[in-house]
Every structure is written in structure tokens, then in C-alpha cells.
Protein backbone atom coordinates (compact mmCIF):
# COMPACT_ATOMS: atom_id res chain seq x y z
CA MET A 1 12.65 12.96 -5.14
CA ARG A 2 9.76 15.45 -5.30
CA VAL A 3 9.92 14.99 -9.15
CA VAL A 4 9.33 11.77 -9.02
CA ILE A 5 6.69 11.88 -6.71
CA TRP A 6 4.78 14.75 -8.90
CA LYS A 7 5.85 12.53 -11.76
CA GLU A 8 3.85 9.16 -10.58
CA GLY A 9 0.94 11.29 -8.94
CA HIS A 10 0.21 12.64 -12.51
CA ALA A 11 0.26 9.09 -14.38
CA PHE A 12 -1.93 7.73 -11.36
CA LEU A 13 -4.28 10.46 -12.32
CA ARG A 14 -3.93 9.95 -15.55
CA ASP A 15 -4.97 6.20 -15.34
CA ARG A 16 -8.71 7.13 -14.80
CA LEU A 17 -9.57 3.57 -14.91
CA ARG A 18 -7.92 2.20 -12.44
CA LEU A 19 -8.27 4.95 -9.59
CA GLY A 20 -11.86 4.89 -10.28
CA ALA A 21 -12.12 1.25 -10.01
CA LEU A 22 -10.39 1.47 -6.73
CA ILE A 23 -12.17 4.63 -5.14
CA LEU A 24 -15.68 2.18 -6.34
CA PHE A 25 -13.63 -0.75 -4.21
CA ALA A 26 -13.72 1.72 -1.34
CA LEU A 27 -16.72 3.14 -1.26
CA PHE A 28 -18.37 -0.24 -1.75
CA PHE A 29 -16.29 -2.20 0.73
CA GLY A 30 -16.16 0.57 3.16
CA THR A 31 -20.20 0.74 3.37
CA TYR A 32 -20.40 -3.63 2.88
CA PHE A 33 -18.29 -3.83 6.00
CA ALA A 34 -20.24 -1.55 8.50
CA ALA A 35 -23.78 -2.25 7.07
CA ARG A 36 -22.94 -5.91 7.88
CA TYR A 37 -20.48 -6.14 10.68
CA GLY A 38 -20.57 -2.17 11.96
CA ARG A 39 -17.64 -0.74 13.29
CA MET A 40 -16.31 -4.16 14.30
CA LEU A 41 -14.60 -4.39 10.89
CA PHE A 42 -13.27 -0.54 10.77
CA VAL A 43 -9.37 -1.92 11.07
CA PRO A 44 -9.74 -4.80 8.61
CA THR A 45 -11.58 -2.22 5.92
CA ALA A 46 -8.47 0.27 6.64
CA LEU A 47 -5.99 -2.62 5.98
CA LEU A 48 -7.95 -3.94 2.89
CA MET A 49 -7.56 -0.35 1.16
CA MET A 50 -4.33 -0.08 1.83
CA LEU A 51 -3.23 -3.57 0.60
CA ALA A 52 -5.79 -2.81 -2.53
CA GLY A 53 -3.91 0.62 -3.46
CA ALA A 54 -0.36 -0.40 -2.50
CA TYR A 55 -1.04 -3.38 -4.67
CA ALA A 56 -2.89 -1.93 -7.83
CA LEU A 57 -0.26 1.77 -7.67
CA SER A 58 2.74 -0.16 -7.40
CA GLN A 59 2.20 -1.94 -10.69
CA VAL A 60 1.83 1.54 -12.07
CA ALA A 61 4.91 3.19 -10.65
CA PHE A 62 7.45 0.28 -10.71
CA TYR A 63 6.58 -2.50 -13.35
CA LYS A 64 5.11 0.46 -15.91
CA GLU A 65 8.43 1.75 -16.14
CA VAL A 66 9.85 -1.57 -17.39
CA SER A 67 7.16 -2.50 -19.73
CA ASP A 68 7.17 0.96 -21.22
CA LYS A 69 11.03 0.65 -21.24
CA THR A 70 11.65 3.76 -19.74
CA LEU A 71 13.45 3.05 -17.08
CA PRO A 72 16.66 3.48 -18.25
CA ASN A 73 16.19 7.22 -19.03
CA LEU A 74 15.09 7.61 -15.43
CA LEU A 75 18.37 5.54 -14.15
CA ALA A 76 20.41 7.95 -16.48
CA SER A 77 19.64 10.44 -14.27
CA PRO A 78 21.87 12.11 -11.62
CA MET A 79 19.33 10.28 -9.06
CA THR A 80 20.46 7.39 -7.25
CA PRO A 81 18.28 3.95 -7.15
CA GLY A 82 17.72 4.52 -3.79
CA MET A 83 15.87 7.82 -3.98
CA LEU A 84 14.28 6.77 -7.18
CA LEU A 85 12.63 4.22 -5.50
CA LEU A 86 11.94 6.06 -2.28
CA GLY A 87 10.05 8.75 -4.15
CA LYS A 88 8.01 6.16 -6.15
CA SER A 89 6.96 4.21 -3.26
CA LEU A 90 6.10 7.35 -1.29
CA ALA A 91 3.52 8.48 -4.40
CA VAL A 92 2.17 5.07 -4.28
CA PHE A 93 1.69 4.84 -0.22
CA LEU A 94 0.48 8.81 -0.43
CA PHE A 95 -2.35 7.66 -2.98
CA SER A 96 -2.90 4.78 -0.84
CA TYR A 97 -3.48 6.55 2.05
CA ALA A 98 -6.25 8.52 0.31
CA LEU A 99 -7.97 5.04 -0.41
CA GLU A 100 -7.82 4.21 2.86
CA LEU A 101 -9.11 7.68 4.22
CA ILE A 102 -12.15 7.13 1.81
CA GLY A 103 -12.67 3.65 2.86
CA VAL A 104 -12.61 4.67 6.55
CA ALA A 105 -14.72 7.97 6.01
CA VAL A 106 -17.15 5.69 4.25
CA CYS A 107 -17.41 2.85 7.33
CA VAL A 108 -17.60 5.47 10.21
CA GLY A 109 -20.16 7.25 8.49
CA PHE A 110 -22.24 4.10 7.67
CA SER A 111 -21.75 2.74 10.96
CA TRP A 112 -22.74 6.21 13.03
CA PHE A 113 -25.51 7.31 11.10
CA ARG A 114 -27.49 3.49 10.39
CA LEU A 115 -26.00 1.93 13.94
CA GLY A 116 -24.99 4.99 16.52
CA GLU A 117 -21.74 3.37 16.43
CA LEU A 118 -18.20 5.05 16.44
CA PRO A 119 -14.48 3.28 16.69
CA THR A 120 -12.64 3.30 19.53
CA LEU A 121 -9.33 5.70 19.33
CA VAL A 122 -7.22 2.19 19.64
CA SER A 123 -8.91 1.28 16.48
CA VAL A 124 -8.60 4.84 14.97
CA TYR A 125 -4.99 4.71 16.18
CA VAL A 126 -4.28 1.42 14.54
CA ALA A 127 -6.04 2.35 11.17
CA LEU A 128 -4.96 5.76 10.76
CA VAL A 129 -1.12 5.54 12.26
CA VAL A 130 -0.18 1.68 12.29
CA ILE A 131 -1.56 0.23 9.20
CA PRO A 132 -0.23 2.85 7.06
CA ILE A 133 3.49 2.29 8.28
CA TRP A 134 3.25 -1.09 7.53
CA GLY A 135 1.52 -0.22 4.14
CA PHE A 136 5.00 1.64 3.55
CA ILE A 137 6.72 -1.35 4.12
CA LEU A 138 4.53 -3.41 1.82
CA ILE A 139 5.02 -0.42 -1.14
CA GLU A 140 8.82 -0.39 -0.56
CA LEU A 141 8.80 -4.23 -0.63
CA PHE A 142 7.15 -4.17 -3.92
CA GLY A 143 9.97 -1.29 -5.42
CA VAL A 144 12.98 -3.85 -4.02
CA ILE A 145 11.14 -6.89 -6.02
CA PHE A 146 10.24 -5.21 -9.02
CA SER A 147 14.05 -3.86 -9.46
CA LEU A 148 15.25 -7.34 -8.78
CA VAL A 149 13.04 -9.97 -10.16
CA ARG A 150 12.34 -9.67 -13.79
CA GLY A 151 8.63 -9.76 -15.14
CA SER A 152 5.29 -9.26 -13.54
CA VAL A 153 4.66 -13.20 -12.83
CA GLY A 154 7.86 -13.47 -10.88
CA VAL A 155 6.59 -10.60 -8.79
CA LEU A 156 2.85 -12.17 -8.80
CA LEU A 157 4.38 -15.58 -7.22
CA LEU A 158 6.20 -13.88 -4.77
CA THR A 159 3.70 -11.55 -3.41
CA GLY A 160 0.25 -13.70 -4.20
CA PRO A 161 0.60 -16.13 -0.87
CA MET A 162 0.93 -13.05 1.43
CA TYR A 163 -1.72 -11.22 -0.35
CA VAL A 164 -4.52 -14.29 -0.21
CA ALA A 165 -3.76 -14.98 3.37
CA VAL A 166 -3.96 -11.29 4.47
CA LEU A 167 -7.43 -11.08 2.62
CA LEU A 168 -8.69 -14.22 3.90
CA SER A 169 -8.18 -13.13 7.31
CA THR A 170 -8.98 -9.58 6.65
CA LEU A 171 -12.59 -10.99 5.39
CA SER A 172 -13.39 -13.17 7.94
CA PRO A 173 -16.16 -11.92 10.25
CA LYS A 174 -14.40 -13.35 13.18
CA GLY A 175 -11.18 -10.78 12.73
CA SER A 176 -7.52 -11.35 11.88
CA PRO A 177 -5.18 -12.89 14.40
CA VAL A 178 -2.77 -10.01 12.71
CA VAL A 179 -5.00 -7.53 13.54
CA ASP A 180 -5.27 -8.84 17.19
CA PHE A 181 -1.72 -9.11 17.89
CA VAL A 182 -1.61 -5.38 16.54
CA LEU A 183 -4.19 -4.07 19.37
CA SER A 184 -2.78 -5.73 21.85
CA SER A 185 0.27 -3.26 22.14
CA LEU A 186 0.00 0.33 21.12
CA TRP A 187 4.07 0.85 20.39
CA LEU A 188 5.79 -2.01 19.13
CA PRO A 189 4.02 -2.34 16.17
CA PRO A 190 4.84 1.54 14.64
CA VAL A 191 8.61 0.96 15.90
CA ALA A 192 9.39 -2.20 14.32
CA GLY A 193 7.49 -1.20 11.17
CA LEU A 194 9.43 2.41 11.22
CA CYS A 195 12.97 0.26 11.65
CA ILE A 196 12.02 -2.24 9.18
CA ALA A 197 11.18 0.68 6.60
CA ALA A 198 14.46 1.75 7.46
CA LEU A 199 16.39 -1.30 6.60
CA LEU A 200 14.45 -1.27 3.32
CA TYR A 201 15.13 2.14 2.37
CA ALA A 202 19.33 0.97 3.25
CA LEU A 203 18.49 -2.21 0.87
CA MET A 204 17.40 0.45 -1.77
CA GLY A 205 20.36 2.39 -2.07
CA ARG A 206 22.33 -0.49 -2.29
CA ILE A 207 20.83 -1.96 -5.63
CA SER A 208 22.55 -0.44 -8.58
CA LYS A 209 21.46 0.99 -11.67
CA ASP A 210 23.60 -1.89 -13.43
CA ARG A 211 21.37 -4.82 -12.40
CA MET A 212 18.12 -2.51 -12.47
CA THR A 213 19.01 -1.75 -16.31
CA ARG A 214 19.40 -5.98 -16.66
CA VAL A 215 16.17 -6.84 -15.09
CA ALA A 216 14.71 -3.85 -17.23
CA SER A 217 16.01 -5.33 -20.18
């Protein structure tokens, strides 16, 4: 699995245009949210960065193998589909989390120096613990969808409405009902998230190599 993580990490670093665009995205929105709304959008900033990284990098980690016709070579290795998808998911998560940290650092730094505001401990916990857990769930879900659905159009149709709904609620200056729910409980979201992540990993393990090969062909 470490080989898969290393391979995907190098693929992300070689895609300098995509990676540079994501970093600029984090810098811009981290500054914009802090300048316009202060610490009020600290949590939505973290959520937006995680969503952007998960979506953009999942395209590279999962779909690019299909478009480049290299997935059959990976499936020919002794590695199980579950371990293969988990390795790719972890690689996407690590880079997405780094992107989130960039956006959060810019938002906090600007709010502190310009407005004299710092986020609460609860919002820090939500941004750095809860959101990453659910971001990993989303990445796992991308892996499952890319493994079972042929073509990027099908994936976009399945995930597009969810992204539109989350982004619209995130960009609202009044906050998001999803964020409000997360803030209302400290233990339920991470525990539920870890359980769902484990279930998705179990589902990954049940995907056969033959099914993934047919989807990739």
C-alpha cells in the first residue's frame, strides 16, 4: 500500500498545473473568507478546501488510471482491490488535508493580524478532525464509484448535485445547516464517520478485479 501512496504522490507532484491551481485556490479563498467574514467562515474554509482537493485529486488517482489504460497493470499485481483503493484514497486524503491546512492557515493568519480574531477550540476541532474524517469518506466513495461506474460523466452525475449543495451552503455568509449540526456534537460526527469509513473499506474489499477490469475497458 505504501508503494501505491508513493506512486500517487509523485503523480500529484508531476501535475504541477492542477496542484498550483489548488494552492492558489486555497490562498484566495482563505484570504477572501477571512477578509469578508472574519473567523465566522473558518470551518467552511476548511470544508471547501477539503472538497476541492478530494474532487480534483480523485480525478487523477482513480479516473486517470482508466483513461491511460494503466489500471489492468495494477490489477495484475498481487495487491487486492481493497488495498489498492485504500492506498489511492490515503494519497488523495494526505494532499487534500495539506491543502486544507494551507487555506486554514491563511484564514486564521489574516483574521488574527487584520481583525484580531482567533477561531474557537470547537471550530479548530471541527476543521482539523471532523472535516478530514468525512473528507476521507468522500474520497473512499469516489474510489468506489470510479471502480463501479464506467466513464467520468457517470461519476459527475452521481456526485455533482452533492457538491453543488455543499458548496452553496458553504459560500453562504449565514453558515451551513451541515456545519451547525457538526458543531452541535463533539463525538457523534467523528465516531459515525469512522464507522462509515470502515464500511466503505469493507465494500472496497468486495469489489472484484474482473469488475474493475470491465469498467476500465
